[in-house]
Amino acid sequence: MADIAFGPSPGPRLDPAKSGEAYLLLVRRRRLYSTILIVLFLVLLASGFRTTQDRNAGDFWTGLPHVLDFPVEVLREAWADRANLPGMIWHFLPSLIETLNIAAVSTLLGGLGAALLAPLATRGLAPWPRLVGPSRRLLDMLRALPDIVIALVLIYMLGGGPIPAVIAIAVHTTGALGKLFSEVAENADLKPIEGLSSVGATWLQRMVFGLLPQVAPNWASYALMRFEINVRASAILGFVGQGGIGADLKEAMQWGQGRYDEVVAIFLLLFLTIVVIDQYSDRLRQKLTKGT
């Protein structure tokens, strides 16, 4: 029986009877590796701070005491005009609905794309094993592309509006959900799929009737969580001319003093919307995954 406890390289071996000595050696190695990683992290953090400080227009430590000046100014003006907030919230409601539509459509398209690519990127489920590697790299590429970068590129091709935002968020959502869907599919029971294969079912039939019933609750849960993220993303994309409530927020902030009450109204509307979506999605996820 080969001695592989400490690797195949020649050298002194610890006595197997002294299990405590082997454990202490393992603990010391882990501590050493952790210490090296922490030191490297601190060095990179310090060097990054110095680089940022050199490129910054002002000094970080000098500007730190004034970091709350702008929020205080916005809140002071909004408090003075607080009587206008209900009417402004009602005024920006159509823009919020547009933002929600962008998030919903992009989540639906991204979820469908992820559901198609996830089985291809899962070992034991792909119709051809060679498809697993390229499918995973495709999901990595889609996930690595920031949605705001895709949106900026699409602006030059399609112009401003909600369509570039939907495409940009859907592409990124496909990569993100595809990774999660694939991990869920890897833990699925293969016996129903093998049973369908034994009676002559096609690959698509095995996925629909053997895999989908097992993974549907978790897939739906991840899709709902992604919808919450896409609501925030669609609001952010409004800053680059993609419509929705983000465009109104950008316009209000660009005008500056005199319209800060609109900024607060939009933030309140977004905050309340995210809270409602989060509460509803959490209850629906609990019902899908646990049946309660």
C-alpha atoms as a PDB file:
ATOM      1  CA  MET A   1       0.000   0.000   0.000  1.00  0.00           C
ATOM      2  CA  ALA A   2       1.507   3.313  -1.092  1.00  0.00           C
ATOM      3  CA  ASP A   3       2.189   6.039   1.422  1.00  0.00           C
ATOM      4  CA  ILE A   4       0.293   9.068   0.077  1.00  0.00           C
ATOM      5  CA  ALA A   5      -0.538  10.808   3.349  1.00  0.00           C
ATOM      6  CA  PHE A   6       2.058  13.516   2.769  1.00  0.00           C
ATOM      7  CA  GLY A   7       2.555  13.273  -0.976  1.00  0.00           C
ATOM      8  CA  PRO A   8       4.590  11.010  -3.250  1.00  0.00           C
ATOM      9  CA  SER A   9       7.857  12.969  -2.915  1.00  0.00           C
ATOM     10  CA  PRO A  10      10.669  11.197  -1.011  1.00  0.00           C
ATOM     11  CA  GLY A  11      11.502  12.309   2.475  1.00  0.00           C
ATOM     12  CA  PRO A  12      10.871  11.504   6.106  1.00  0.00           C
ATOM     13  CA  ARG A  13       7.398  10.278   6.986  1.00  0.00           C
ATOM     14  CA  LEU A  14       5.525  10.896  10.190  1.00  0.00           C
ATOM     15  CA  ASP A  15       4.616   7.947  12.322  1.00  0.00           C
ATOM     16  CA  PRO A  16       0.967   7.036  11.486  1.00  0.00           C
ATOM     17  CA  ALA A  17       0.442   6.295  15.133  1.00  0.00           C
ATOM     18  CA  LYS A  18       1.135   9.924  15.981  1.00  0.00           C
ATOM     19  CA  SER A  19      -2.067  11.374  14.545  1.00  0.00           C
ATOM     20  CA  GLY A  20      -1.784  14.465  16.712  1.00  0.00           C
ATOM     21  CA  GLU A  21       1.531  15.385  15.123  1.00  0.00           C
ATOM     22  CA  ALA A  22       0.042  15.139  11.624  1.00  0.00           C
ATOM     23  CA  TYR A  23      -2.905  17.306  12.668  1.00  0.00           C
ATOM     24  CA  LEU A  24      -0.646  20.001  14.150  1.00  0.00           C
ATOM     25  CA  LEU A  25       1.455  20.014  10.986  1.00  0.00           C
ATOM     26  CA  LEU A  26      -1.668  20.509   8.887  1.00  0.00           C
ATOM     27  CA  VAL A  27      -2.849  23.345  11.145  1.00  0.00           C
ATOM     28  CA  ARG A  28       0.560  25.082  10.919  1.00  0.00           C
ATOM     29  CA  ARG A  29       0.511  24.850   7.131  1.00  0.00           C
ATOM     30  CA  ARG A  30      -2.955  26.339   6.933  1.00  0.00           C
ATOM     31  CA  ARG A  31      -1.998  29.168   9.246  1.00  0.00           C
ATOM     32  CA  LEU A  32       1.088  29.855   7.145  1.00  0.00           C
ATOM     33  CA  TYR A  33      -0.941  29.983   3.926  1.00  0.00           C
ATOM     34  CA  SER A  34      -3.585  32.198   5.559  1.00  0.00           C
ATOM     35  CA  THR A  35      -0.912  34.581   6.839  1.00  0.00           C
ATOM     36  CA  ILE A  36       0.670  34.836   3.388  1.00  0.00           C
ATOM     37  CA  LEU A  37      -2.701  35.584   1.784  1.00  0.00           C
ATOM     38  CA  ILE A  38      -3.526  38.251   4.372  1.00  0.00           C
ATOM     39  CA  VAL A  39      -0.148  39.929   3.877  1.00  0.00           C
ATOM     40  CA  LEU A  40      -0.597  39.923   0.099  1.00  0.00           C
ATOM     41  CA  PHE A  41      -4.078  41.381   0.489  1.00  0.00           C
ATOM     42  CA  LEU A  42      -2.808  44.182   2.736  1.00  0.00           C
ATOM     43  CA  VAL A  43       0.042  44.961   0.332  1.00  0.00           C
ATOM     44  CA  LEU A  44      -2.351  45.146  -2.629  1.00  0.00           C
ATOM     45  CA  LEU A  45      -4.772  47.287  -0.603  1.00  0.00           C
ATOM     46  CA  ALA A  46      -2.038  49.734   0.385  1.00  0.00           C
ATOM     47  CA  SER A  47      -0.620  49.964  -3.139  1.00  0.00           C
ATOM     48  CA  GLY A  48      -4.105  50.438  -4.604  1.00  0.00           C
ATOM     49  CA  PHE A  49      -4.856  53.208  -2.132  1.00  0.00           C
ATOM     50  CA  ARG A  50      -1.617  55.019  -3.003  1.00  0.00           C
ATOM     51  CA  THR A  51      -2.344  54.736  -6.726  1.00  0.00           C
ATOM     52  CA  THR A  52      -5.873  56.054  -6.265  1.00  0.00           C
ATOM     53  CA  GLN A  53      -4.645  58.864  -4.042  1.00  0.00           C
ATOM     54  CA  ASP A  54      -2.121  59.963  -6.680  1.00  0.00           C
ATOM     55  CA  ARG A  55      -4.784  60.054  -9.397  1.00  0.00           C
ATOM     56  CA  ASN A  56      -7.485  61.684  -7.282  1.00  0.00           C
ATOM     57  CA  ALA A  57      -8.213  65.379  -7.756  1.00  0.00           C
ATOM     58  CA  GLY A  58      -8.178  65.976  -3.996  1.00  0.00           C
ATOM     59  CA  ASP A  59      -6.745  64.422  -0.882  1.00  0.00           C
ATOM     60  CA  PHE A  60      -8.745  61.561   0.637  1.00  0.00           C
ATOM     61  CA  TRP A  61      -8.133  62.492   4.266  1.00  0.00           C
ATOM     62  CA  THR A  62      -8.887  66.165   3.602  1.00  0.00           C
ATOM     63  CA  GLY A  63     -12.203  65.366   1.920  1.00  0.00           C
ATOM     64  CA  LEU A  64     -13.279  62.692   4.396  1.00  0.00           C
ATOM     65  CA  PRO A  65     -14.895  65.139   6.887  1.00  0.00           C
ATOM     66  CA  HIS A  66     -17.062  66.534   4.053  1.00  0.00           C
ATOM     67  CA  VAL A  67     -18.383  63.192   2.830  1.00  0.00           C
ATOM     68  CA  LEU A  68     -21.848  63.839   4.311  1.00  0.00           C
ATOM     69  CA  ASP A  69     -22.186  67.421   3.089  1.00  0.00           C
ATOM     70  CA  PHE A  70     -24.059  66.528  -0.104  1.00  0.00           C
ATOM     71  CA  PRO A  71     -26.540  64.050   1.478  1.00  0.00           C
ATOM     72  CA  VAL A  72     -27.300  66.549   4.234  1.00  0.00           C
ATOM     73  CA  GLU A  73     -27.951  69.265   1.662  1.00  0.00           C
ATOM     74  CA  VAL A  74     -30.288  66.985  -0.308  1.00  0.00           C
ATOM     75  CA  LEU A  75     -32.234  65.929   2.782  1.00  0.00           C
ATOM     76  CA  ARG A  76     -32.483  69.502   4.071  1.00  0.00           C
ATOM     77  CA  GLU A  77     -34.020  70.725   0.832  1.00  0.00           C
ATOM     78  CA  ALA A  78     -36.350  67.716   0.614  1.00  0.00           C
ATOM     79  CA  TRP A  79     -37.517  68.263   4.178  1.00  0.00           C
ATOM     80  CA  ALA A  80     -38.305  71.892   3.414  1.00  0.00           C
ATOM     81  CA  ASP A  81     -40.443  70.773   0.440  1.00  0.00           C
ATOM     82  CA  ARG A  82     -41.794  67.599   2.046  1.00  0.00           C
ATOM     83  CA  ALA A  83     -45.367  68.542   1.193  1.00  0.00           C
ATOM     84  CA  ASN A  84     -44.552  67.946  -2.486  1.00  0.00           C
ATOM     85  CA  LEU A  85     -43.243  64.393  -2.001  1.00  0.00           C
ATOM     86  CA  PRO A  86     -46.577  62.490  -2.384  1.00  0.00           C
ATOM     87  CA  GLY A  87     -47.343  64.247  -5.655  1.00  0.00           C
ATOM     88  CA  MET A  88     -43.825  63.627  -6.962  1.00  0.00           C
ATOM     89  CA  ILE A  89     -44.000  59.948  -6.074  1.00  0.00           C
ATOM     90  CA  TRP A  90     -47.227  59.696  -8.069  1.00  0.00           C
ATOM     91  CA  HIS A  91     -45.580  61.635 -10.928  1.00  0.00           C
ATOM     92  CA  PHE A  92     -42.637  59.202 -11.201  1.00  0.00           C
ATOM     93  CA  LEU A  93     -44.798  56.085 -10.920  1.00  0.00           C
ATOM     94  CA  PRO A  94     -44.981  55.514 -14.734  1.00  0.00           C
ATOM     95  CA  SER A  95     -41.184  55.600 -14.916  1.00  0.00           C
ATOM     96  CA  LEU A  96     -41.031  53.036 -12.118  1.00  0.00           C
ATOM     97  CA  ILE A  97     -43.429  50.775 -14.019  1.00  0.00           C
ATOM     98  CA  GLU A  98     -41.151  51.032 -17.064  1.00  0.00           C
ATOM     99  CA  THR A  99     -38.178  50.049 -14.891  1.00  0.00           C
ATOM    100  CA  LEU A 100     -40.082  47.053 -13.522  1.00  0.00           C
ATOM    101  CA  ASN A 101     -41.043  46.012 -17.056  1.00  0.00           C
ATOM    102  CA  ILE A 102     -37.386  46.156 -18.133  1.00  0.00           C
ATOM    103  CA  ALA A 103     -36.366  44.018 -15.161  1.00  0.00           C
ATOM    104  CA  ALA A 104     -39.182  41.494 -15.671  1.00  0.00           C
ATOM    105  CA  VAL A 105     -38.626  41.000 -19.411  1.00  0.00           C
ATOM    106  CA  SER A 106     -34.838  40.761 -19.050  1.00  0.00           C
ATOM    107  CA  THR A 107     -35.191  38.255 -16.192  1.00  0.00           C
ATOM    108  CA  LEU A 108     -37.593  36.136 -18.265  1.00  0.00           C
ATOM    109  CA  LEU A 109     -35.303  36.133 -21.304  1.00  0.00           C
ATOM    110  CA  GLY A 110     -32.200  35.517 -19.207  1.00  0.00           C
ATOM    111  CA  GLY A 111     -33.920  32.731 -17.288  1.00  0.00           C
ATOM    112  CA  LEU A 112     -34.961  30.975 -20.498  1.00  0.00           C
ATOM    113  CA  GLY A 113     -31.439  31.269 -21.889  1.00  0.00           C
ATOM    114  CA  ALA A 114     -29.966  29.944 -18.647  1.00  0.00           C
ATOM    115  CA  ALA A 115     -32.407  27.023 -18.591  1.00  0.00           C
ATOM    116  CA  LEU A 116     -31.325  26.051 -22.117  1.00  0.00           C
ATOM    117  CA  LEU A 117     -27.585  26.353 -21.443  1.00  0.00           C
ATOM    118  CA  ALA A 118     -27.472  24.884 -17.929  1.00  0.00           C
ATOM    119  CA  PRO A 119     -28.018  21.211 -18.947  1.00  0.00           C
ATOM    120  CA  LEU A 120     -25.383  21.589 -21.665  1.00  0.00           C
ATOM    121  CA  ALA A 121     -22.897  22.823 -19.047  1.00  0.00           C
ATOM    122  CA  THR A 122     -23.636  20.007 -16.582  1.00  0.00           C
ATOM    123  CA  ARG A 123     -21.648  16.793 -16.532  1.00  0.00           C
ATOM    124  CA  GLY A 124     -23.840  13.754 -17.031  1.00  0.00           C
ATOM    125  CA  LEU A 125     -26.663  15.759 -18.625  1.00  0.00           C
ATOM    126  CA  ALA A 126     -25.151  17.182 -21.806  1.00  0.00           C
ATOM    127  CA  PRO A 127     -26.029  15.159 -24.931  1.00  0.00           C
ATOM    128  CA  TRP A 128     -22.344  15.176 -25.864  1.00  0.00           C
ATOM    129  CA  PRO A 129     -19.643  15.426 -23.167  1.00  0.00           C
ATOM    130  CA  ARG A 130     -17.567  17.745 -25.323  1.00  0.00           C
ATOM    131  CA  LEU A 131     -20.289  20.407 -25.050  1.00  0.00           C
ATOM    132  CA  VAL A 132     -19.721  20.845 -21.303  1.00  0.00           C
ATOM    133  CA  GLY A 133     -16.484  22.833 -21.606  1.00  0.00           C
ATOM    134  CA  PRO A 134     -17.611  25.274 -24.350  1.00  0.00           C
ATOM    135  CA  SER A 135     -20.987  25.773 -22.649  1.00  0.00           C
ATOM    136  CA  ARG A 136     -19.322  26.647 -19.357  1.00  0.00           C
ATOM    137  CA  ARG A 137     -16.935  29.059 -21.062  1.00  0.00           C
ATOM    138  CA  LEU A 138     -19.908  30.698 -22.792  1.00  0.00           C
ATOM    139  CA  LEU A 139     -21.653  31.183 -19.443  1.00  0.00           C
ATOM    140  CA  ASP A 140     -18.419  32.578 -17.995  1.00  0.00           C
ATOM    141  CA  MET A 141     -18.160  35.061 -20.850  1.00  0.00           C
ATOM    142  CA  LEU A 142     -21.772  36.209 -20.502  1.00  0.00           C
ATOM    143  CA  ARG A 143     -21.358  36.552 -16.744  1.00  0.00           C
ATOM    144  CA  ALA A 144     -18.087  38.464 -17.060  1.00  0.00           C
ATOM    145  CA  LEU A 145     -19.566  41.161 -19.305  1.00  0.00           C
ATOM    146  CA  PRO A 146     -20.987  43.981 -17.122  1.00  0.00           C
ATOM    147  CA  ASP A 147     -24.502  44.927 -18.149  1.00  0.00           C
ATOM    148  CA  ILE A 148     -23.636  48.619 -18.208  1.00  0.00           C
ATOM    149  CA  VAL A 149     -20.823  47.987 -20.712  1.00  0.00           C
ATOM    150  CA  ILE A 150     -23.172  46.008 -22.963  1.00  0.00           C
ATOM    151  CA  ALA A 151     -25.732  48.799 -22.709  1.00  0.00           C
ATOM    152  CA  LEU A 152     -23.177  51.455 -23.686  1.00  0.00           C
ATOM    153  CA  VAL A 153     -22.220  49.443 -26.762  1.00  0.00           C
ATOM    154  CA  LEU A 154     -25.853  48.896 -27.743  1.00  0.00           C
ATOM    155  CA  ILE A 155     -26.590  52.613 -27.483  1.00  0.00           C
ATOM    156  CA  TYR A 156     -24.475  53.207 -30.597  1.00  0.00           C
ATOM    157  CA  MET A 157     -26.258  50.386 -32.415  1.00  0.00           C
ATOM    158  CA  LEU A 158     -29.887  50.814 -31.329  1.00  0.00           C
ATOM    159  CA  GLY A 159     -30.009  54.263 -29.748  1.00  0.00           C
ATOM    160  CA  GLY A 160     -31.392  55.051 -26.321  1.00  0.00           C
ATOM    161  CA  GLY A 161     -34.450  53.456 -24.814  1.00  0.00           C
ATOM    162  CA  PRO A 162     -35.499  50.349 -22.936  1.00  0.00           C
ATOM    163  CA  ILE A 163     -34.537  47.803 -25.644  1.00  0.00           C
ATOM    164  CA  PRO A 164     -30.745  48.087 -25.096  1.00  0.00           C
ATOM    165  CA  ALA A 165     -31.320  47.840 -21.343  1.00  0.00           C
ATOM    166  CA  VAL A 166     -33.393  44.670 -21.733  1.00  0.00           C
ATOM    167  CA  ILE A 167     -30.751  43.043 -23.947  1.00  0.00           C
ATOM    168  CA  ALA A 168     -27.861  44.071 -21.689  1.00  0.00           C
ATOM    169  CA  ILE A 169     -29.476  42.808 -18.492  1.00  0.00           C
ATOM    170  CA  ALA A 170     -30.739  39.627 -20.187  1.00  0.00           C
ATOM    171  CA  VAL A 171     -27.231  38.744 -21.427  1.00  0.00           C
ATOM    172  CA  HIS A 172     -25.706  39.155 -17.982  1.00  0.00           C
ATOM    173  CA  THR A 173     -28.637  37.344 -16.363  1.00  0.00           C
ATOM    174  CA  THR A 174     -28.170  34.373 -18.694  1.00  0.00           C
ATOM    175  CA  GLY A 175     -24.582  33.948 -17.533  1.00  0.00           C
ATOM    176  CA  ALA A 176     -25.335  34.432 -13.848  1.00  0.00           C
ATOM    177  CA  LEU A 177     -28.414  32.197 -13.716  1.00  0.00           C
ATOM    178  CA  GLY A 178     -26.820  29.622 -16.002  1.00  0.00           C
ATOM    179  CA  LYS A 179     -24.069  29.048 -13.461  1.00  0.00           C
ATOM    180  CA  LEU A 180     -26.572  28.668 -10.611  1.00  0.00           C
ATOM    181  CA  PHE A 181     -28.908  26.462 -12.635  1.00  0.00           C
ATOM    182  CA  SER A 182     -26.014  24.200 -13.612  1.00  0.00           C
ATOM    183  CA  GLU A 183     -24.953  23.750  -9.986  1.00  0.00           C
ATOM    184  CA  VAL A 184     -28.501  22.782  -9.036  1.00  0.00           C
ATOM    185  CA  ALA A 185     -28.713  20.335 -11.948  1.00  0.00           C
ATOM    186  CA  GLU A 186     -25.476  18.652 -10.869  1.00  0.00           C
ATOM    187  CA  ASN A 187     -27.163  17.619  -7.605  1.00  0.00           C
ATOM    188  CA  ALA A 188     -30.249  16.193  -9.327  1.00  0.00           C
ATOM    189  CA  ASP A 189     -31.033  12.484  -9.099  1.00  0.00           C
ATOM    190  CA  LEU A 190     -30.070  10.791 -12.371  1.00  0.00           C
ATOM    191  CA  LYS A 191     -32.273   7.718 -11.867  1.00  0.00           C
ATOM    192  CA  PRO A 192     -35.418   9.252 -13.453  1.00  0.00           C
ATOM    193  CA  ILE A 193     -33.319  10.457 -16.389  1.00  0.00           C
ATOM    194  CA  GLU A 194     -31.741   7.019 -16.819  1.00  0.00           C
ATOM    195  CA  GLY A 195     -35.184   5.407 -16.633  1.00  0.00           C
ATOM    196  CA  LEU A 196     -36.482   7.652 -19.417  1.00  0.00           C
ATOM    197  CA  SER A 197     -33.395   6.908 -21.477  1.00  0.00           C
ATOM    198  CA  SER A 198     -33.969   3.172 -21.123  1.00  0.00           C
ATOM    199  CA  VAL A 199     -37.421   3.452 -22.709  1.00  0.00           C
ATOM    200  CA  GLY A 200     -36.131   5.445 -25.678  1.00  0.00           C
ATOM    201  CA  ALA A 201     -36.862   9.051 -24.613  1.00  0.00           C
ATOM    202  CA  THR A 202     -35.019  11.778 -26.476  1.00  0.00           C
ATOM    203  CA  TRP A 203     -32.579  14.117 -24.731  1.00  0.00           C
ATOM    204  CA  LEU A 204     -35.142  16.927 -24.640  1.00  0.00           C
ATOM    205  CA  GLN A 205     -37.776  14.611 -23.173  1.00  0.00           C
ATOM    206  CA  ARG A 206     -35.322  13.454 -20.485  1.00  0.00           C
ATOM    207  CA  MET A 207     -34.605  17.057 -19.538  1.00  0.00           C
ATOM    208  CA  VAL A 208     -38.265  18.121 -19.479  1.00  0.00           C
ATOM    209  CA  PHE A 209     -39.734  15.110 -17.665  1.00  0.00           C
ATOM    210  CA  GLY A 210     -36.706  13.846 -15.703  1.00  0.00           C
ATOM    211  CA  LEU A 211     -34.706  16.936 -14.744  1.00  0.00           C
ATOM    212  CA  LEU A 212     -37.113  19.873 -14.738  1.00  0.00           C
ATOM    213  CA  PRO A 213     -39.503  18.560 -12.027  1.00  0.00           C
ATOM    214  CA  GLN A 214     -36.533  18.162  -9.657  1.00  0.00           C
ATOM    215  CA  VAL A 215     -34.867  21.526 -10.236  1.00  0.00           C
ATOM    216  CA  ALA A 216     -37.897  23.763 -10.941  1.00  0.00           C
ATOM    217  CA  PRO A 217     -38.355  25.028  -7.333  1.00  0.00           C
ATOM    218  CA  ASN A 218     -34.690  26.015  -6.945  1.00  0.00           C
ATOM    219  CA  TRP A 219     -34.518  27.470 -10.432  1.00  0.00           C
ATOM    220  CA  ALA A 220     -37.611  29.591  -9.751  1.00  0.00           C
ATOM    221  CA  SER A 221     -36.122  30.721  -6.442  1.00  0.00           C
ATOM    222  CA  TYR A 222     -32.899  31.860  -8.112  1.00  0.00           C
ATOM    223  CA  ALA A 223     -34.865  33.597 -10.882  1.00  0.00           C
ATOM    224  CA  LEU A 224     -36.877  35.580  -8.310  1.00  0.00           C
ATOM    225  CA  MET A 225     -33.697  36.597  -6.534  1.00  0.00           C
ATOM    226  CA  ARG A 226     -32.249  37.705  -9.859  1.00  0.00           C
ATOM    227  CA  PHE A 227     -35.369  39.758 -10.571  1.00  0.00           C
ATOM    228  CA  GLU A 228     -34.652  41.819  -7.444  1.00  0.00           C
ATOM    229  CA  ILE A 229     -31.108  42.436  -8.681  1.00  0.00           C
ATOM    230  CA  ASN A 230     -32.327  43.358 -12.164  1.00  0.00           C
ATOM    231  CA  VAL A 231     -34.702  45.996 -10.761  1.00  0.00           C
ATOM    232  CA  ARG A 232     -31.682  47.772  -9.294  1.00  0.00           C
ATOM    233  CA  ALA A 233     -29.688  47.212 -12.495  1.00  0.00           C
ATOM    234  CA  SER A 234     -32.418  48.669 -14.709  1.00  0.00           C
ATOM    235  CA  ALA A 235     -32.568  51.754 -12.483  1.00  0.00           C
ATOM    236  CA  ILE A 236     -28.793  52.175 -12.740  1.00  0.00           C
ATOM    237  CA  LEU A 237     -28.871  51.806 -16.530  1.00  0.00           C
ATOM    238  CA  GLY A 238     -31.163  54.815 -16.656  1.00  0.00           C
ATOM    239  CA  PHE A 239     -28.080  56.917 -15.952  1.00  0.00           C
ATOM    240  CA  VAL A 240     -26.667  55.975 -19.369  1.00  0.00           C
ATOM    241  CA  GLY A 241     -29.818  56.840 -21.297  1.00  0.00           C
ATOM    242  CA  GLN A 242     -31.764  53.586 -21.103  1.00  0.00           C
ATOM    243  CA  GLY A 243     -35.048  55.025 -19.858  1.00  0.00           C
ATOM    244  CA  GLY A 244     -36.985  54.190 -16.722  1.00  0.00           C
ATOM    245  CA  ILE A 245     -36.792  55.862 -13.370  1.00  0.00           C
ATOM    246  CA  GLY A 246     -33.006  55.995 -13.518  1.00  0.00           C
ATOM    247  CA  ALA A 247     -33.181  58.587 -16.295  1.00  0.00           C
ATOM    248  CA  ASP A 248     -35.436  60.781 -14.137  1.00  0.00           C
ATOM    249  CA  LEU A 249     -33.020  60.420 -11.232  1.00  0.00           C
ATOM    250  CA  LYS A 250     -30.094  61.435 -13.411  1.00  0.00           C
ATOM    251  CA  GLU A 251     -31.951  64.504 -14.694  1.00  0.00           C
ATOM    252  CA  ALA A 252     -32.958  65.577 -11.192  1.00  0.00           C
ATOM    253  CA  MET A 253     -29.408  65.234  -9.866  1.00  0.00           C
ATOM    254  CA  GLN A 254     -27.934  67.100 -12.833  1.00  0.00           C
ATOM    255  CA  TRP A 255     -30.169  70.106 -12.172  1.00  0.00           C
ATOM    256  CA  GLY A 256     -28.881  70.195  -8.607  1.00  0.00           C
ATOM    257  CA  GLN A 257     -30.334  72.585  -6.059  1.00  0.00           C
ATOM    258  CA  GLY A 258     -34.018  73.202  -6.455  1.00  0.00           C
ATOM    259  CA  ARG A 259     -34.806  69.626  -7.513  1.00  0.00           C
ATOM    260  CA  TYR A 260     -33.332  67.623  -4.672  1.00  0.00           C
ATOM    261  CA  ASP A 261     -36.854  66.915  -3.458  1.00  0.00           C
ATOM    262  CA  GLU A 262     -37.362  64.934  -6.681  1.00  0.00           C
ATOM    263  CA  VAL A 263     -34.196  62.952  -5.914  1.00  0.00           C
ATOM    264  CA  VAL A 264     -35.534  61.984  -2.496  1.00  0.00           C
ATOM    265  CA  ALA A 265     -38.954  61.114  -3.939  1.00  0.00           C
ATOM    266  CA  ILE A 266     -37.348  58.779  -6.497  1.00  0.00           C
ATOM    267  CA  PHE A 267     -35.173  57.161  -3.839  1.00  0.00           C
ATOM    268  CA  LEU A 268     -38.193  56.622  -1.608  1.00  0.00           C
ATOM    269  CA  LEU A 269     -40.134  55.104  -4.487  1.00  0.00           C
ATOM    270  CA  LEU A 270     -37.258  52.741  -5.336  1.00  0.00           C
ATOM    271  CA  PHE A 271     -36.755  51.803  -1.701  1.00  0.00           C
ATOM    272  CA  LEU A 272     -40.430  50.957  -1.151  1.00  0.00           C
ATOM    273  CA  THR A 273     -40.534  48.981  -4.395  1.00  0.00           C
ATOM    274  CA  ILE A 274     -37.467  46.924  -3.486  1.00  0.00           C
ATOM    275  CA  VAL A 275     -38.903  46.194  -0.029  1.00  0.00           C
ATOM    276  CA  VAL A 276     -42.217  45.018  -1.486  1.00  0.00           C
ATOM    277  CA  ILE A 277     -40.499  42.856  -4.113  1.00  0.00           C
ATOM    278  CA  ASP A 278     -38.130  41.410  -1.519  1.00  0.00           C
ATOM    279  CA  GLN A 279     -40.950  40.479   0.854  1.00  0.00           C
ATOM    280  CA  TYR A 280     -43.110  38.948  -1.852  1.00  0.00           C
ATOM    281  CA  SER A 281     -40.198  37.091  -3.460  1.00  0.00           C
ATOM    282  CA  ASP A 282     -39.080  35.721  -0.096  1.00  0.00           C
ATOM    283  CA  ARG A 283     -42.528  34.311   0.622  1.00  0.00           C
ATOM    284  CA  LEU A 284     -42.802  32.841  -2.855  1.00  0.00           C
ATOM    285  CA  ARG A 285     -39.332  31.259  -2.606  1.00  0.00           C
ATOM    286  CA  GLN A 286     -40.263  29.710   0.728  1.00  0.00           C
ATOM    287  CA  LYS A 287     -43.437  28.294  -0.804  1.00  0.00           C
ATOM    288  CA  LEU A 288     -41.599  26.903  -3.830  1.00  0.00           C
ATOM    289  CA  THR A 289     -38.655  25.343  -2.024  1.00  0.00           C
ATOM    290  CA  LYS A 290     -40.254  24.262   1.278  1.00  0.00           C
ATOM    291  CA  GLY A 291     -43.953  24.195   0.454  1.00  0.00           C
ATOM    292  CA  THR A 292     -44.839  26.447   3.410  1.00  0.00           C
END
